[in-house]
Protein backbone atom coordinates (compact mmCIF):
# COMPACT_ATOMS: atom_id res chain seq x y z
CA MET A 1 -79.73 -140.32 184.18
CA SER A 2 -76.57 -140.05 186.27
CA THR A 3 -75.02 -136.78 187.45
CA VAL A 4 -71.39 -136.08 186.50
CA THR A 5 -69.95 -132.94 188.10
CA HIS A 6 -66.22 -133.74 187.86
CA THR A 7 -64.07 -135.66 185.40
CA GLU A 8 -60.53 -137.06 185.46
CA LEU A 9 -59.57 -138.73 182.19
CA PRO A 10 -56.53 -141.01 182.49
CA GLY A 11 -53.80 -140.33 179.96
CA LEU A 12 -55.13 -136.86 179.03
CA THR A 13 -54.02 -133.47 180.30
CA CYS A 14 -56.80 -131.20 181.49
CA LEU A 15 -56.17 -127.86 179.80
CA HIS A 16 -59.00 -125.98 181.49
CA ARG A 17 -61.89 -126.44 183.91
CA GLY A 18 -64.64 -123.91 183.40
CA LYS A 19 -67.95 -123.45 185.14
CA VAL A 20 -69.37 -126.33 183.12
CA ARG A 21 -66.72 -127.74 180.75
CA ASP A 22 -63.57 -129.75 181.32
CA VAL A 23 -61.25 -129.40 178.31
CA TYR A 24 -58.62 -132.06 177.60
CA VAL A 25 -55.69 -132.09 175.19
CA VAL A 26 -55.90 -134.89 172.63
CA ASP A 27 -53.06 -133.77 170.33
CA ASP A 28 -51.58 -130.60 168.85
CA ALA A 29 -54.65 -130.00 166.70
CA THR A 30 -57.62 -131.24 168.74
CA LEU A 31 -59.25 -131.06 172.16
CA LEU A 32 -61.87 -133.15 173.92
CA PHE A 33 -64.66 -130.90 175.20
CA VAL A 34 -66.53 -132.51 178.10
CA ALA A 35 -69.73 -130.82 179.29
CA THR A 36 -70.31 -131.83 182.89
CA ASP A 37 -73.60 -131.62 184.77
CA ARG A 38 -72.36 -128.65 186.80
CA ILE A 39 -74.61 -125.62 186.66
CA SER A 40 -73.68 -122.02 187.36
CA ALA A 41 -75.73 -118.93 188.03
CA PHE A 42 -74.75 -115.42 189.06
CA ASP A 43 -71.09 -116.28 188.44
CA ARG A 44 -71.09 -119.16 190.94
CA ILE A 45 -70.99 -122.91 190.41
CA LEU A 46 -73.92 -124.31 192.34
CA GLY A 47 -73.75 -127.10 194.87
CA SER A 48 -76.31 -129.14 192.91
CA GLY A 49 -75.66 -130.77 189.57
CA ILE A 50 -78.43 -131.29 187.02
CA PRO A 51 -78.66 -134.95 185.87
CA GLY A 52 -77.91 -135.25 182.16
CA LYS A 53 -77.38 -131.51 181.67
CA GLY A 54 -73.95 -132.02 180.10
CA VAL A 55 -75.46 -134.54 177.70
CA VAL A 56 -78.03 -131.95 176.57
CA LEU A 57 -75.38 -129.27 176.13
CA THR A 58 -73.15 -131.56 174.10
CA GLN A 59 -75.85 -133.08 171.94
CA ALA A 60 -77.62 -129.74 171.35
CA SER A 61 -74.33 -128.11 170.33
CA ARG A 62 -73.53 -131.06 168.10
CA PHE A 63 -76.97 -130.82 166.50
CA TRP A 64 -76.51 -127.13 165.71
CA PHE A 65 -72.90 -127.46 164.54
CA GLU A 66 -73.99 -130.15 162.09
CA HIS A 67 -77.14 -128.19 161.14
CA PHE A 68 -75.04 -125.13 160.28
CA ALA A 69 -72.24 -127.03 158.57
CA GLU A 70 -72.88 -125.49 155.15
CA GLN A 71 -73.64 -121.98 156.45
CA VAL A 72 -70.84 -121.35 158.95
CA PRO A 73 -67.65 -123.27 159.81
CA THR A 74 -67.40 -124.62 163.36
CA HIS A 75 -64.76 -126.23 165.54
CA LEU A 76 -66.56 -129.59 165.67
CA VAL A 77 -64.64 -132.61 164.43
CA THR A 78 -67.06 -135.27 165.66
CA GLY A 79 -69.44 -136.10 168.46
CA ARG A 80 -69.35 -139.85 167.79
CA ALA A 81 -66.94 -141.92 169.86
CA ALA A 82 -66.45 -144.34 166.97
CA ASP A 83 -65.03 -141.52 164.82
CA MET A 84 -62.57 -140.30 167.46
CA PRO A 85 -58.94 -141.45 167.76
CA ALA A 86 -58.72 -144.99 169.11
CA SER A 87 -56.90 -143.74 172.21
CA ILE A 88 -59.96 -141.84 173.48
CA GLN A 89 -62.89 -143.85 172.15
CA SER A 90 -63.48 -145.77 175.38
CA LEU A 91 -63.19 -142.58 177.45
CA ALA A 92 -65.74 -140.82 175.24
CA ARG A 93 -68.16 -143.74 175.53
CA GLU A 94 -67.87 -143.75 179.33
CA LEU A 95 -68.85 -140.09 179.37
CA GLY A 96 -72.26 -141.06 178.00
CA GLY A 97 -72.71 -138.44 175.30
CA ARG A 98 -71.01 -135.57 177.14
CA ALA A 99 -67.89 -135.37 174.90
CA MET A 100 -67.07 -133.73 171.56
CA LEU A 101 -63.79 -133.76 169.66
CA VAL A 102 -63.05 -130.22 168.45
CA ARG A 103 -60.32 -128.32 166.64
CA ARG A 104 -58.07 -126.07 168.67
CA ALA A 105 -58.88 -122.41 168.08
CA GLU A 106 -57.77 -119.07 169.49
CA VAL A 107 -60.97 -117.74 171.02
CA VAL A 108 -62.01 -114.14 170.30
CA PRO A 109 -62.61 -112.67 173.80
CA ILE A 110 -66.09 -111.41 172.97
CA GLU A 111 -69.54 -112.83 173.78
CA CYS A 112 -71.61 -112.27 170.63
CA VAL A 113 -75.08 -111.83 172.08
CA VAL A 114 -78.09 -111.58 169.75
CA ARG A 115 -81.57 -110.69 170.98
CA GLY A 116 -84.86 -111.28 169.20
CA TYR A 117 -87.27 -110.58 172.08
CA LEU A 118 -87.35 -108.19 175.02
CA ALA A 119 -86.53 -110.14 178.17
CA GLY A 120 -84.07 -110.39 181.00
CA SER A 121 -81.90 -107.65 182.43
CA VAL A 122 -82.03 -105.46 179.29
CA ALA A 123 -85.76 -104.86 179.74
CA ALA A 124 -84.95 -102.25 182.42
CA ALA A 125 -82.51 -100.47 180.10
CA TYR A 126 -85.13 -100.37 177.34
CA ALA A 127 -87.77 -98.99 179.73
CA ARG A 128 -85.34 -96.28 180.86
CA ASP A 129 -83.57 -95.37 177.60
CA GLY A 130 -85.64 -96.77 174.75
CA ALA A 131 -82.43 -98.49 173.66
CA ILE A 132 -80.23 -101.46 174.47
CA GLN A 133 -76.47 -100.94 174.39
CA GLY A 134 -76.78 -98.04 172.02
CA VAL A 135 -79.32 -99.76 169.74
CA ALA A 136 -82.45 -97.57 169.59
CA LEU A 137 -85.79 -99.39 169.58
CA PRO A 138 -89.35 -98.20 168.98
CA ALA A 139 -91.53 -97.41 171.98
CA GLY A 140 -94.18 -99.79 173.26
CA ILE A 141 -92.47 -103.19 173.05
CA PRO A 142 -93.97 -105.28 175.88
CA LEU A 143 -91.99 -107.62 178.09
CA GLY A 144 -91.53 -110.78 176.06
CA GLY A 145 -92.40 -108.93 172.87
CA GLU A 146 -90.58 -109.57 169.61
CA LEU A 147 -88.16 -106.86 168.47
CA PRO A 148 -88.65 -105.38 164.99
CA GLN A 149 -85.50 -107.28 164.02
CA PRO A 150 -82.80 -109.10 165.99
CA ILE A 151 -80.13 -106.87 167.51
CA PHE A 152 -76.45 -107.52 168.19
CA THR A 153 -75.45 -106.65 171.77
CA PRO A 154 -71.92 -107.93 172.45
CA THR A 155 -70.23 -108.17 175.83
CA THR A 156 -66.74 -108.73 177.10
CA LYS A 157 -65.74 -112.31 177.92
CA ALA A 158 -64.51 -112.10 181.49
CA ALA A 159 -62.23 -114.80 182.90
CA SER A 160 -64.06 -114.29 186.21
CA GLY A 161 -66.89 -112.07 187.39
CA HIS A 162 -69.42 -110.37 185.17
CA ASP A 163 -69.22 -109.87 181.40
CA LEU A 164 -69.62 -106.18 180.58
CA PRO A 165 -71.92 -104.86 177.83
CA LEU A 166 -70.32 -103.15 174.84
CA THR A 167 -71.69 -100.72 172.31
CA TYR A 168 -70.79 -101.52 168.72
CA ALA A 169 -68.34 -98.61 168.69
CA GLU A 170 -66.64 -100.05 171.76
CA LEU A 171 -66.45 -103.44 170.06
CA GLU A 172 -64.76 -101.87 167.05
CA GLY A 173 -62.29 -100.23 169.37
CA SER A 174 -61.57 -103.56 171.03
CA VAL A 175 -61.17 -105.92 168.05
CA GLY A 176 -61.03 -103.61 165.03
CA ALA A 177 -63.69 -102.59 162.52
CA GLU A 178 -63.22 -105.55 160.16
CA LEU A 179 -63.52 -108.27 162.80
CA ALA A 180 -66.36 -106.44 164.55
CA ALA A 181 -68.34 -106.36 161.30
CA THR A 182 -67.69 -110.06 160.67
CA LEU A 183 -68.76 -111.03 164.19
CA ARG A 184 -71.97 -109.01 163.92
CA GLU A 185 -72.89 -110.26 160.46
CA THR A 186 -72.17 -113.90 161.27
CA ALA A 187 -73.94 -113.85 164.65
CA LEU A 188 -77.06 -112.22 163.19
CA ARG A 189 -77.10 -114.61 160.23
CA VAL A 190 -76.80 -117.72 162.40
CA PHE A 191 -79.42 -116.36 164.81
CA GLY A 192 -81.82 -115.87 161.91
CA LEU A 193 -81.32 -119.42 160.67
CA ALA A 194 -81.73 -120.82 164.18
CA SER A 195 -84.84 -118.73 164.88
CA ALA A 196 -86.56 -120.05 161.76
CA HIS A 197 -85.75 -123.65 162.76
CA CYS A 198 -86.95 -123.08 166.33
CA ARG A 199 -90.28 -121.68 165.15
CA GLU A 200 -90.83 -124.79 163.04
CA ARG A 201 -90.27 -126.84 166.20
CA GLY A 202 -92.61 -124.85 168.45
CA LEU A 203 -89.93 -122.81 170.22
CA LEU A 204 -89.17 -119.10 170.15
CA LEU A 205 -85.49 -118.15 170.35
CA CYS A 206 -85.47 -115.11 172.61
CA ASP A 207 -81.72 -114.52 172.80
CA THR A 208 -78.42 -116.37 172.71
CA LYS A 209 -74.69 -115.89 172.82
CA PHE A 210 -72.15 -117.16 170.31
CA GLU A 211 -68.40 -117.44 170.62
CA PHE A 212 -65.94 -117.47 167.75
CA GLY A 213 -62.31 -118.44 167.40
CA ARG A 214 -59.57 -118.59 164.78
CA LEU A 215 -58.05 -121.83 163.56
CA PRO A 216 -54.29 -121.92 162.91
CA ASP A 217 -54.98 -121.16 159.23
CA GLY A 218 -56.80 -117.95 160.21
CA ARG A 219 -60.37 -119.10 159.52
CA LEU A 220 -63.01 -117.76 161.91
CA VAL A 221 -65.20 -120.57 163.28
CA LEU A 222 -68.09 -120.96 165.70
CA VAL A 223 -66.75 -122.49 168.93
CA ASP A 224 -67.67 -123.54 172.47
CA GLU A 225 -71.40 -124.34 172.55
CA ALA A 226 -74.28 -123.26 170.37
CA LEU A 227 -77.92 -122.51 171.16
CA THR A 228 -78.19 -124.63 174.29
CA PRO A 229 -80.48 -123.98 177.28
CA ASP A 230 -77.37 -122.68 179.08
CA SER A 231 -76.41 -120.13 176.44
CA SER A 232 -79.89 -119.22 175.19
CA ARG A 233 -83.32 -118.17 176.35
CA PHE A 234 -86.20 -120.15 174.82
CA PHE A 235 -89.96 -119.63 175.01
CA ARG A 236 -92.54 -122.32 174.25
CA ALA A 237 -94.55 -120.83 171.39
CA ASP A 238 -97.81 -122.33 172.66
CA ARG A 239 -97.32 -120.92 176.18
CA HIS A 240 -95.92 -117.47 175.48
CA THR A 241 -97.96 -114.28 175.68
CA PRO A 242 -96.18 -110.95 175.17
CA GLY A 243 -96.82 -108.63 178.12
CA GLU A 244 -96.87 -111.46 180.62
CA GLN A 245 -93.83 -112.71 182.52
CA PRO A 246 -92.20 -115.25 180.16
CA GLN A 247 -92.04 -118.87 181.29
CA PRO A 248 -88.46 -120.12 181.23
CA TRP A 249 -87.43 -123.14 179.20
CA ASP A 250 -83.75 -122.77 179.98
CA LYS A 251 -81.50 -121.93 182.96
CA GLN A 252 -83.79 -119.05 183.99
CA LEU A 253 -85.75 -121.49 186.16
CA VAL A 254 -82.66 -121.87 188.36
CA ARG A 255 -81.94 -118.12 188.41
CA ASP A 256 -85.54 -117.35 189.41
CA TRP A 257 -85.42 -119.80 192.35
CA LEU A 258 -82.15 -118.33 193.59
CA LEU A 259 -83.50 -114.78 193.31
CA ALA A 260 -86.47 -115.85 195.43
CA HIS A 261 -84.10 -117.28 198.06
CA PRO A 262 -81.35 -114.69 198.57
CA GLU A 263 -80.20 -116.39 201.74
CA VAL A 264 -79.17 -119.36 199.59
CA LYS A 265 -78.03 -117.34 196.57
CA ASP A 266 -75.73 -115.09 198.59
CA GLY A 267 -74.65 -117.51 201.30
CA GLU A 268 -71.07 -118.60 201.83
CA ALA A 269 -71.66 -122.21 200.77
CA PRO A 270 -72.18 -123.08 197.08
CA PRO A 271 -75.93 -122.64 196.54
CA ALA A 272 -77.84 -125.92 196.59
CA LEU A 273 -81.13 -126.37 194.77
CA PRO A 274 -84.16 -128.32 196.06
CA ALA A 275 -84.79 -131.68 194.46
CA GLU A 276 -87.89 -130.47 192.62
CA VAL A 277 -85.99 -127.62 190.93
CA VAL A 278 -83.22 -130.02 189.91
CA ALA A 279 -85.73 -132.49 188.47
CA GLU A 280 -87.76 -129.83 186.64
CA THR A 281 -84.64 -128.24 185.17
CA ALA A 282 -83.37 -131.61 183.92
CA GLU A 283 -86.75 -132.34 182.34
CA ARG A 284 -86.94 -128.95 180.63
CA TYR A 285 -83.41 -129.25 179.23
CA ALA A 286 -84.22 -132.67 177.76
CA THR A 287 -87.53 -131.37 176.38
CA VAL A 288 -85.83 -128.44 174.65
CA TYR A 289 -83.32 -130.81 173.05
CA ALA A 290 -86.09 -133.12 171.80
CA MET A 291 -88.07 -130.20 170.37
CA LEU A 292 -85.01 -128.71 168.64
CA SER A 293 -83.70 -131.95 167.18
CA GLY A 294 -86.90 -133.86 166.59
CA ARG A 295 -85.69 -136.92 168.47
CA PRO A 296 -85.35 -138.09 172.09
CA LEU A 297 -82.10 -137.37 173.91
CA ALA A 298 -81.59 -141.11 174.45
CA ASP A 299 -81.38 -141.66 170.69
CA ALA A 300 -78.65 -139.04 170.35
CA VAL A 301 -76.68 -140.62 173.19
CA ALA A 302 -76.97 -144.08 171.66
CA GLU A 303 -75.55 -142.75 168.39
CA ALA A 304 -72.78 -140.84 170.17
CA ILE A 305 -71.47 -143.83 172.12
CA ALA A 306 -72.05 -146.53 169.49
């Protein structure tokens, strides 16, 4: 599969270029979200793209948005080029499954992180405090162990640099008690639904982040991406043993390589990955999509560009 790390769509204004997504204005009510094959880690865009990564992010998000359609409203209009306005159909097809038409929404500047297993940077906080962001947990949970129940650990949504962890009280102070409660309830509910689906497919959903926004009519909807290997940590159920270092089936593979090569990670040039890490990451992303959706990525792309 080809690697697309930059887009320029004739006739459309680019509203925003993020670490991964290029966002284009379609009309007053809708945007075209394009997930490129750029990959970021440690707040830097890397010098290596991952072939087909943007396709996985788009098609995985589309799968989940459609899967949750009756449980939670989302910003998705369509992921099929044939259902988009005639003016952008050919552009969407050329992007090869990397584009979604979405409703414009005012994004709530909070990353709604939900954790179901002990992993990542919060493991050190748990070992030190017996708690994560003010949420007390029982003693003795091993690395990679399942938490008694999923916990909500929000962060700020920084325009640049690191997102900062928030306690629930701090979240209430930032967005108000009513919205904070809605964000927590909705994020935990969607996480529970997704976790059950993942287990049926042989995956364990360790943690993820959701973003929400308000439509012009005031409705709160799930936006951006959902439960992708970029925004989530997955374990293969048949290869996961609590107490042992978890095997990454997500972007952690890239982070681990960079941590092992600080001269590349912290160098002046955008970090470049070796070919074998690029290839393995691309394969794992496609595998996660196939396990989640129950069909090959190529089938999703064919439907998207038909």
